[in-house]
Amino acid sequence: MRELLCTRRGRGDFFFVTTDAKQQLKRRAAIVKILREQAVARQADLVRLLHKFGHEATQSSVSRDLRELGVLKAGDRYVLLPEIQDQVNGGFDALAGFVREIHSAGSTLTIVKTAVGAAQSVAVAVDRARWPEVVGTISGDDTIFIATHGASQQKKVLQRLHSIFRV
């Protein structure tokens, strides 16, 4: 029988998670703690450290966790996105090297092409910026779709992106 845990979201909503999800939340919290305290260069090193601290983890679960947490590989180590944002002006400068192309598609969709594996981190930065023109983002491995309400909002987003990422 799976144990259920009742927890709270930021807005006061309650939701239930299974023991597996509870372990995932604890593992992700441990990943954040580890990455804040020391440089980690490889996923295998992170798996080893998680095991050392009593968390079950595989390379594939760690890979998924890093993606969901918005962790980037910057230079020779993994870096938390908020950590990058604290280090640079506006939070986007450290991500600029990952953006390759910016294009419009129709009057409400903007396409951002990134280095392989960087799309989700860039999309998270755009989401956290809370630009009023952005309805939402969808990211894959190297492509982000940014939806806007209309052509004038898309134009503002394109100007911001070109200015920030210098592409």
N, C-alpha and C. Protein backbone atom coordinates (compact mmCIF):
# COMPACT_ATOMS: atom_id res chain seq x y z
N MET A 1 0.84 -1.18 0.00
CA MET A 1 0.00 0.00 0.00
C MET A 1 0.89 1.25 0.00
N ARG A 2 0.58 2.19 -0.84
CA ARG A 2 1.36 3.42 -0.93
C ARG A 2 0.88 4.42 0.12
N GLU A 3 1.83 5.07 0.74
CA GLU A 3 1.52 6.11 1.70
C GLU A 3 1.18 7.40 0.95
N LEU A 4 0.23 8.15 1.45
CA LEU A 4 -0.09 9.44 0.85
C LEU A 4 0.38 10.55 1.77
N LEU A 5 0.89 11.59 1.17
CA LEU A 5 1.36 12.75 1.91
C LEU A 5 0.53 13.94 1.46
N CYS A 6 0.00 14.68 2.41
CA CYS A 6 -0.73 15.90 2.08
C CYS A 6 0.26 17.06 2.22
N THR A 7 0.38 17.85 1.19
CA THR A 7 1.30 18.98 1.23
C THR A 7 0.61 20.20 0.66
N ARG A 8 1.25 21.33 0.75
CA ARG A 8 0.64 22.59 0.38
C ARG A 8 1.39 23.24 -0.77
N ARG A 9 0.67 23.81 -1.72
CA ARG A 9 1.26 24.59 -2.79
C ARG A 9 1.37 26.03 -2.33
N GLY A 10 2.04 26.86 -3.12
CA GLY A 10 2.27 28.24 -2.77
C GLY A 10 1.01 29.06 -2.52
N ARG A 11 -0.11 28.76 -3.18
CA ARG A 11 -1.33 29.56 -3.04
C ARG A 11 -2.25 29.03 -1.96
N GLY A 12 -1.81 28.08 -1.19
CA GLY A 12 -2.65 27.55 -0.14
C GLY A 12 -3.43 26.32 -0.55
N ASP A 13 -3.33 25.90 -1.80
CA ASP A 13 -4.02 24.69 -2.26
C ASP A 13 -3.34 23.47 -1.66
N PHE A 14 -4.14 22.48 -1.31
CA PHE A 14 -3.58 21.23 -0.83
C PHE A 14 -3.64 20.19 -1.93
N PHE A 15 -2.65 19.30 -1.95
CA PHE A 15 -2.71 18.19 -2.88
C PHE A 15 -2.02 17.00 -2.25
N PHE A 16 -2.32 15.81 -2.75
CA PHE A 16 -1.78 14.59 -2.20
C PHE A 16 -0.75 14.00 -3.16
N VAL A 17 0.32 13.48 -2.60
CA VAL A 17 1.33 12.82 -3.40
C VAL A 17 1.62 11.45 -2.81
N THR A 18 2.02 10.52 -3.64
CA THR A 18 2.34 9.18 -3.17
C THR A 18 3.73 9.17 -2.56
N THR A 19 4.09 8.07 -1.93
CA THR A 19 5.42 7.93 -1.36
C THR A 19 6.49 8.13 -2.43
N ASP A 20 6.26 7.61 -3.64
CA ASP A 20 7.23 7.78 -4.73
C ASP A 20 7.44 9.26 -5.02
N ALA A 21 6.36 10.01 -5.08
CA ALA A 21 6.47 11.44 -5.33
C ALA A 21 7.13 12.14 -4.15
N LYS A 22 6.85 11.66 -2.96
CA LYS A 22 7.47 12.21 -1.75
C LYS A 22 8.99 12.00 -1.81
N GLN A 23 9.40 10.82 -2.23
CA GLN A 23 10.84 10.54 -2.37
C GLN A 23 11.46 11.42 -3.45
N GLN A 24 10.72 11.64 -4.54
CA GLN A 24 11.20 12.50 -5.61
C GLN A 24 11.40 13.93 -5.10
N LEU A 25 10.45 14.44 -4.33
CA LEU A 25 10.56 15.78 -3.77
C LEU A 25 11.78 15.88 -2.85
N LYS A 26 11.98 14.87 -2.02
CA LYS A 26 13.13 14.86 -1.12
C LYS A 26 14.44 14.78 -1.90
N ARG A 27 14.45 13.95 -2.95
CA ARG A 27 15.66 13.81 -3.79
C ARG A 27 15.98 15.14 -4.47
N ARG A 28 14.96 15.81 -4.99
CA ARG A 28 15.19 17.10 -5.64
C ARG A 28 15.68 18.15 -4.66
N ALA A 29 15.15 18.13 -3.45
CA ALA A 29 15.63 19.06 -2.43
C ALA A 29 17.10 18.77 -2.12
N ALA A 30 17.46 17.50 -2.08
CA ALA A 30 18.85 17.13 -1.83
C ALA A 30 19.75 17.57 -2.98
N ILE A 31 19.26 17.46 -4.21
CA ILE A 31 20.04 17.91 -5.37
C ILE A 31 20.31 19.41 -5.26
N VAL A 32 19.30 20.17 -4.93
CA VAL A 32 19.47 21.62 -4.78
C VAL A 32 20.50 21.92 -3.70
N LYS A 33 20.40 21.24 -2.58
CA LYS A 33 21.35 21.45 -1.48
C LYS A 33 22.77 21.10 -1.92
N ILE A 34 22.94 19.98 -2.58
CA ILE A 34 24.26 19.55 -3.04
C ILE A 34 24.84 20.55 -4.02
N LEU A 35 24.05 20.99 -4.99
CA LEU A 35 24.55 21.91 -6.01
C LEU A 35 24.87 23.28 -5.43
N ARG A 36 24.19 23.68 -4.37
CA ARG A 36 24.50 24.95 -3.72
C ARG A 36 25.78 24.86 -2.90
N GLU A 37 26.10 23.66 -2.41
CA GLU A 37 27.24 23.51 -1.51
C GLU A 37 28.53 23.10 -2.20
N GLN A 38 28.43 22.48 -3.39
CA GLN A 38 29.66 22.03 -4.04
C GLN A 38 29.48 21.93 -5.55
N ALA A 39 30.61 21.97 -6.23
CA ALA A 39 30.60 21.85 -7.69
C ALA A 39 30.43 20.38 -8.05
N VAL A 40 29.50 20.11 -8.96
CA VAL A 40 29.27 18.76 -9.45
C VAL A 40 29.37 18.80 -10.97
N ALA A 41 30.27 18.00 -11.51
CA ALA A 41 30.55 18.05 -12.94
C ALA A 41 29.79 17.00 -13.76
N ARG A 42 29.43 15.88 -13.13
CA ARG A 42 28.80 14.80 -13.89
C ARG A 42 27.58 14.27 -13.14
N GLN A 43 26.63 13.76 -13.90
CA GLN A 43 25.45 13.17 -13.29
C GLN A 43 25.82 11.97 -12.44
N ALA A 44 26.80 11.21 -12.86
CA ALA A 44 27.24 10.04 -12.08
C ALA A 44 27.73 10.47 -10.70
N ASP A 45 28.42 11.62 -10.62
CA ASP A 45 28.87 12.15 -9.33
C ASP A 45 27.68 12.52 -8.46
N LEU A 46 26.65 13.09 -9.07
CA LEU A 46 25.46 13.48 -8.33
C LEU A 46 24.71 12.24 -7.82
N VAL A 47 24.63 11.20 -8.63
CA VAL A 47 24.01 9.95 -8.20
C VAL A 47 24.75 9.40 -6.99
N ARG A 48 26.08 9.40 -7.05
CA ARG A 48 26.91 8.90 -5.95
C ARG A 48 26.66 9.71 -4.67
N LEU A 49 26.61 11.04 -4.79
CA LEU A 49 26.38 11.90 -3.63
C LEU A 49 24.98 11.68 -3.05
N LEU A 50 24.00 11.51 -3.91
CA LEU A 50 22.64 11.25 -3.43
C LEU A 50 22.58 9.93 -2.66
N HIS A 51 23.26 8.91 -3.17
CA HIS A 51 23.31 7.62 -2.46
C HIS A 51 23.97 7.80 -1.10
N LYS A 52 25.04 8.59 -1.06
CA LYS A 52 25.77 8.85 0.18
C LYS A 52 24.85 9.48 1.23
N PHE A 53 23.90 10.32 0.79
CA PHE A 53 22.99 10.98 1.70
C PHE A 53 21.67 10.22 1.86
N GLY A 54 21.62 8.96 1.38
CA GLY A 54 20.47 8.10 1.62
C GLY A 54 19.31 8.22 0.65
N HIS A 55 19.55 8.77 -0.54
CA HIS A 55 18.48 8.91 -1.53
C HIS A 55 18.66 7.91 -2.66
N GLU A 56 17.56 7.28 -3.07
CA GLU A 56 17.60 6.39 -4.22
C GLU A 56 17.66 7.25 -5.47
N ALA A 57 18.57 6.92 -6.38
CA ALA A 57 18.68 7.69 -7.62
C ALA A 57 19.38 6.87 -8.69
N THR A 58 18.96 7.10 -9.92
CA THR A 58 19.64 6.54 -11.08
C THR A 58 20.04 7.71 -11.96
N GLN A 59 20.87 7.43 -12.94
CA GLN A 59 21.28 8.50 -13.85
C GLN A 59 20.06 9.09 -14.55
N SER A 60 19.11 8.25 -14.95
CA SER A 60 17.94 8.76 -15.66
C SER A 60 17.04 9.58 -14.75
N SER A 61 16.90 9.18 -13.48
CA SER A 61 16.08 9.99 -12.56
C SER A 61 16.76 11.32 -12.26
N VAL A 62 18.08 11.32 -12.13
CA VAL A 62 18.82 12.56 -11.89
C VAL A 62 18.72 13.47 -13.11
N SER A 63 18.82 12.91 -14.29
CA SER A 63 18.70 13.70 -15.52
C SER A 63 17.34 14.38 -15.58
N ARG A 64 16.29 13.64 -15.27
CA ARG A 64 14.93 14.17 -15.26
C ARG A 64 14.79 15.25 -14.18
N ASP A 65 15.35 15.00 -13.00
CA ASP A 65 15.29 15.98 -11.91
C ASP A 65 16.00 17.27 -12.29
N LEU A 66 17.18 17.17 -12.89
CA LEU A 66 17.93 18.36 -13.29
C LEU A 66 17.14 19.18 -14.30
N ARG A 67 16.51 18.49 -15.24
CA ARG A 67 15.70 19.17 -16.26
C ARG A 67 14.52 19.88 -15.61
N GLU A 68 13.81 19.20 -14.72
CA GLU A 68 12.64 19.77 -14.06
C GLU A 68 13.01 20.92 -13.12
N LEU A 69 14.19 20.87 -12.53
CA LEU A 69 14.64 21.93 -11.64
C LEU A 69 15.19 23.13 -12.41
N GLY A 70 15.37 22.99 -13.72
CA GLY A 70 15.91 24.09 -14.51
C GLY A 70 17.40 24.27 -14.32
N VAL A 71 18.10 23.17 -14.04
CA VAL A 71 19.55 23.22 -13.81
C VAL A 71 20.28 23.25 -15.15
N LEU A 72 21.29 24.11 -15.24
CA LEU A 72 22.11 24.23 -16.44
C LEU A 72 23.49 23.64 -16.21
N LYS A 73 24.11 23.22 -17.27
CA LYS A 73 25.52 22.85 -17.20
C LYS A 73 26.27 24.07 -17.68
N ALA A 74 26.92 24.76 -16.76
CA ALA A 74 27.67 25.98 -17.09
C ALA A 74 29.14 25.69 -16.89
N GLY A 75 29.89 25.70 -17.99
CA GLY A 75 31.31 25.35 -17.91
C GLY A 75 31.45 23.90 -17.55
N ASP A 76 32.08 23.64 -16.42
CA ASP A 76 32.34 22.26 -16.03
C ASP A 76 31.50 21.80 -14.84
N ARG A 77 30.39 22.51 -14.56
CA ARG A 77 29.56 22.10 -13.43
C ARG A 77 28.09 22.43 -13.66
N TYR A 78 27.25 21.77 -12.88
CA TYR A 78 25.82 22.05 -12.92
C TYR A 78 25.53 23.25 -12.03
N VAL A 79 24.65 24.14 -12.52
CA VAL A 79 24.34 25.37 -11.81
C VAL A 79 22.82 25.54 -11.75
N LEU A 80 22.32 25.89 -10.59
CA LEU A 80 20.89 26.17 -10.43
C LEU A 80 20.56 27.50 -11.09
N LEU A 81 19.44 27.56 -11.76
CA LEU A 81 19.05 28.77 -12.46
C LEU A 81 18.97 29.98 -11.53
N PRO A 82 18.35 29.90 -10.35
CA PRO A 82 18.34 31.08 -9.47
C PRO A 82 19.75 31.53 -9.10
N GLU A 83 20.67 30.58 -8.97
CA GLU A 83 22.06 30.91 -8.68
C GLU A 83 22.66 31.72 -9.81
N ILE A 84 22.35 31.35 -11.04
CA ILE A 84 22.81 32.10 -12.19
C ILE A 84 22.18 33.49 -12.16
N GLN A 85 20.90 33.57 -11.87
CA GLN A 85 20.20 34.84 -11.86
C GLN A 85 20.77 35.77 -10.80
N ASP A 86 21.19 35.23 -9.67
CA ASP A 86 21.79 36.06 -8.63
C ASP A 86 23.15 36.60 -9.05
N GLN A 87 23.85 35.88 -9.92
CA GLN A 87 25.20 36.25 -10.30
C GLN A 87 25.25 37.30 -11.39
N VAL A 88 24.21 37.44 -12.18
CA VAL A 88 24.27 38.33 -13.33
C VAL A 88 23.12 39.30 -13.35
N ASN A 89 23.26 40.32 -14.15
CA ASN A 89 22.25 41.36 -14.28
C ASN A 89 21.01 40.84 -14.98
N GLY A 90 19.88 40.85 -14.30
CA GLY A 90 18.63 40.47 -14.91
C GLY A 90 18.42 38.98 -15.08
N GLY A 91 19.40 38.15 -14.85
CA GLY A 91 19.22 36.71 -14.89
C GLY A 91 19.39 36.06 -16.25
N PHE A 92 19.57 36.82 -17.32
CA PHE A 92 19.63 36.22 -18.64
C PHE A 92 21.04 36.17 -19.22
N ASP A 93 21.95 36.99 -18.71
CA ASP A 93 23.29 37.07 -19.30
C ASP A 93 23.99 35.71 -19.34
N ALA A 94 23.87 34.93 -18.28
CA ALA A 94 24.53 33.63 -18.24
C ALA A 94 23.91 32.64 -19.23
N LEU A 95 22.69 32.91 -19.65
CA LEU A 95 22.00 32.02 -20.58
C LEU A 95 22.23 32.41 -22.04
N ALA A 96 22.75 33.61 -22.26
CA ALA A 96 22.88 34.14 -23.62
C ALA A 96 23.68 33.22 -24.54
N GLY A 97 24.70 32.59 -24.02
CA GLY A 97 25.53 31.71 -24.84
C GLY A 97 24.82 30.47 -25.33
N PHE A 98 23.65 30.17 -24.75
CA PHE A 98 22.91 28.97 -25.14
C PHE A 98 21.89 29.24 -26.24
N VAL A 99 21.54 30.50 -26.47
CA VAL A 99 20.52 30.85 -27.46
C VAL A 99 21.18 31.02 -28.82
N ARG A 100 20.64 30.33 -29.83
CA ARG A 100 21.22 30.34 -31.18
C ARG A 100 20.43 31.19 -32.17
N GLU A 101 19.11 31.10 -32.14
CA GLU A 101 18.25 31.81 -33.10
C GLU A 101 16.95 32.21 -32.43
N ILE A 102 16.35 33.30 -32.94
CA ILE A 102 15.03 33.75 -32.49
C ILE A 102 14.23 34.11 -33.74
N HIS A 103 13.03 33.52 -33.88
CA HIS A 103 12.19 33.75 -35.06
C HIS A 103 10.74 33.88 -34.65
N SER A 104 9.96 34.57 -35.46
CA SER A 104 8.52 34.59 -35.26
C SER A 104 7.91 33.51 -36.14
N ALA A 105 6.77 33.01 -35.72
CA ALA A 105 6.00 32.04 -36.50
C ALA A 105 4.55 32.48 -36.40
N GLY A 106 4.07 33.15 -37.43
CA GLY A 106 2.74 33.72 -37.35
C GLY A 106 2.78 34.98 -36.51
N SER A 107 1.63 35.38 -35.99
CA SER A 107 1.56 36.64 -35.26
C SER A 107 1.55 36.48 -33.74
N THR A 108 1.55 35.25 -33.25
CA THR A 108 1.49 35.06 -31.79
C THR A 108 2.50 34.05 -31.26
N LEU A 109 3.31 33.46 -32.12
CA LEU A 109 4.24 32.42 -31.68
C LEU A 109 5.67 32.82 -32.01
N THR A 110 6.53 32.76 -31.02
CA THR A 110 7.95 33.04 -31.18
C THR A 110 8.72 31.76 -30.93
N ILE A 111 9.70 31.49 -31.79
CA ILE A 111 10.52 30.29 -31.68
C ILE A 111 11.93 30.69 -31.26
N VAL A 112 12.44 30.05 -30.23
CA VAL A 112 13.82 30.27 -29.78
C VAL A 112 14.55 28.96 -29.91
N LYS A 113 15.63 28.96 -30.68
CA LYS A 113 16.48 27.76 -30.83
C LYS A 113 17.66 27.91 -29.89
N THR A 114 17.98 26.85 -29.15
CA THR A 114 19.08 26.89 -28.19
C THR A 114 20.06 25.76 -28.46
N ALA A 115 21.14 25.75 -27.71
CA ALA A 115 22.05 24.61 -27.72
C ALA A 115 21.27 23.40 -27.20
N VAL A 116 21.67 22.22 -27.61
CA VAL A 116 21.00 21.00 -27.18
C VAL A 116 21.02 20.92 -25.65
N GLY A 117 19.83 20.68 -25.08
CA GLY A 117 19.70 20.52 -23.65
C GLY A 117 19.46 21.81 -22.87
N ALA A 118 19.49 22.96 -23.53
CA ALA A 118 19.37 24.24 -22.83
C ALA A 118 17.98 24.87 -22.92
N ALA A 119 17.12 24.36 -23.75
CA ALA A 119 15.82 25.01 -23.97
C ALA A 119 15.01 25.15 -22.70
N GLN A 120 14.94 24.13 -21.90
CA GLN A 120 14.11 24.21 -20.71
C GLN A 120 14.62 25.26 -19.73
N SER A 121 15.92 25.37 -19.57
CA SER A 121 16.46 26.37 -18.66
C SER A 121 16.17 27.78 -19.14
N VAL A 122 16.28 28.01 -20.43
CA VAL A 122 15.97 29.34 -20.99
C VAL A 122 14.47 29.61 -20.84
N ALA A 123 13.63 28.61 -21.10
CA ALA A 123 12.18 28.78 -20.95
C ALA A 123 11.81 29.09 -19.50
N VAL A 124 12.45 28.43 -18.56
CA VAL A 124 12.19 28.70 -17.15
C VAL A 124 12.54 30.16 -16.83
N ALA A 125 13.64 30.65 -17.36
CA ALA A 125 14.03 32.06 -17.13
C ALA A 125 12.98 33.01 -17.70
N VAL A 126 12.46 32.70 -18.88
CA VAL A 126 11.42 33.53 -19.49
C VAL A 126 10.16 33.47 -18.63
N ASP A 127 9.78 32.28 -18.19
CA ASP A 127 8.60 32.14 -17.33
C ASP A 127 8.76 32.92 -16.03
N ARG A 128 9.92 32.82 -15.42
CA ARG A 128 10.14 33.51 -14.14
C ARG A 128 10.21 35.03 -14.29
N ALA A 129 10.53 35.48 -15.49
CA ALA A 129 10.57 36.93 -15.73
C ALA A 129 9.16 37.52 -15.69
N ARG A 130 8.14 36.70 -15.92
CA ARG A 130 6.74 37.12 -15.86
C ARG A 130 6.44 38.33 -16.74
N TRP A 131 6.92 38.27 -17.97
CA TRP A 131 6.62 39.35 -18.91
C TRP A 131 5.13 39.33 -19.19
N PRO A 132 4.48 40.48 -19.14
CA PRO A 132 3.02 40.52 -19.33
C PRO A 132 2.58 40.08 -20.73
N GLU A 133 3.47 40.18 -21.71
CA GLU A 133 3.12 39.79 -23.08
C GLU A 133 3.08 38.29 -23.29
N VAL A 134 3.73 37.54 -22.40
CA VAL A 134 3.87 36.09 -22.60
C VAL A 134 2.70 35.35 -21.96
N VAL A 135 2.02 34.56 -22.79
CA VAL A 135 0.95 33.70 -22.30
C VAL A 135 1.54 32.45 -21.68
N GLY A 136 2.58 31.89 -22.34
CA GLY A 136 3.23 30.70 -21.82
C GLY A 136 4.33 30.24 -22.73
N THR A 137 5.09 29.27 -22.24
CA THR A 137 6.18 28.69 -23.02
C THR A 137 6.06 27.18 -23.02
N ILE A 138 6.57 26.58 -24.08
CA ILE A 138 6.71 25.13 -24.18
C ILE A 138 8.13 24.89 -24.66
N SER A 139 8.85 24.01 -23.98
CA SER A 139 10.22 23.77 -24.41
C SER A 139 10.47 22.29 -24.65
N GLY A 140 11.32 22.07 -25.62
CA GLY A 140 11.80 20.72 -25.89
C GLY A 140 13.26 20.67 -25.49
N ASP A 141 14.06 19.97 -26.26
CA ASP A 141 15.48 19.83 -25.95
C ASP A 141 16.27 21.05 -26.41
N ASP A 142 15.94 21.55 -27.61
CA ASP A 142 16.68 22.69 -28.15
C ASP A 142 15.77 23.74 -28.79
N THR A 143 14.48 23.68 -28.50
CA THR A 143 13.53 24.62 -29.08
C THR A 143 12.51 25.05 -28.04
N ILE A 144 12.19 26.35 -28.07
CA ILE A 144 11.17 26.91 -27.17
C ILE A 144 10.11 27.58 -28.02
N PHE A 145 8.85 27.35 -27.70
CA PHE A 145 7.73 28.07 -28.29
C PHE A 145 7.22 29.03 -27.23
N ILE A 146 7.17 30.31 -27.58
CA ILE A 146 6.65 31.33 -26.67
C ILE A 146 5.37 31.89 -27.29
N ALA A 147 4.26 31.74 -26.58
CA ALA A 147 2.97 32.23 -27.07
C ALA A 147 2.68 33.60 -26.48
N THR A 148 2.15 34.48 -27.32
CA THR A 148 1.74 35.82 -26.89
C THR A 148 0.28 36.03 -27.25
N HIS A 149 -0.32 37.09 -26.72
CA HIS A 149 -1.74 37.38 -26.97
C HIS A 149 -1.99 37.87 -28.39
N GLY A 150 -1.03 38.53 -28.99
CA GLY A 150 -1.24 39.09 -30.33
C GLY A 150 0.06 39.58 -30.94
N ALA A 151 -0.05 40.18 -32.10
CA ALA A 151 1.12 40.62 -32.86
C ALA A 151 1.92 41.70 -32.13
N SER A 152 1.24 42.64 -31.49
CA SER A 152 1.97 43.72 -30.81
C SER A 152 2.74 43.18 -29.60
N GLN A 153 2.15 42.21 -28.89
CA GLN A 153 2.86 41.58 -27.77
C GLN A 153 4.03 40.75 -28.26
N GLN A 154 3.83 40.08 -29.41
CA GLN A 154 4.91 39.28 -29.97
C GLN A 154 6.09 40.19 -30.34
N LYS A 155 5.80 41.34 -30.90
CA LYS A 155 6.85 42.29 -31.28
C LYS A 155 7.66 42.70 -30.05
N LYS A 156 6.99 42.97 -28.92
CA LYS A 156 7.68 43.33 -27.68
C LYS A 156 8.58 42.19 -27.20
N VAL A 157 8.05 40.97 -27.26
CA VAL A 157 8.83 39.80 -26.83
C VAL A 157 10.05 39.62 -27.72
N LEU A 158 9.85 39.74 -29.03
CA LEU A 158 10.98 39.62 -29.96
C LEU A 158 12.05 40.67 -29.66
N GLN A 159 11.63 41.90 -29.41
CA GLN A 159 12.59 42.96 -29.08
C GLN A 159 13.35 42.64 -27.79
N ARG A 160 12.63 42.17 -26.78
CA ARG A 160 13.28 41.80 -25.51
C ARG A 160 14.30 40.69 -25.73
N LEU A 161 13.86 39.64 -26.42
CA LEU A 161 14.73 38.49 -26.64
C LEU A 161 15.98 38.86 -27.43
N HIS A 162 15.81 39.61 -28.51
CA HIS A 162 16.96 40.03 -29.31
C HIS A 162 17.91 40.90 -28.49
N SER A 163 17.36 41.77 -27.68
CA SER A 163 18.18 42.64 -26.83
C SER A 163 18.93 41.84 -25.76
N ILE A 164 18.24 40.94 -25.12
CA ILE A 164 18.83 40.15 -24.03
C ILE A 164 19.87 39.18 -24.55
N PHE A 165 19.51 38.44 -25.59
CA PHE A 165 20.38 37.36 -26.07
C PHE A 165 21.31 37.77 -27.20
N ARG A 166 21.15 38.99 -27.68
CA ARG A 166 22.04 39.54 -28.72
C ARG A 166 22.17 38.61 -29.93
N VAL A 167 21.03 38.08 -30.35
CA VAL A 167 20.98 37.18 -31.52
C VAL A 167 20.16 37.85 -32.60
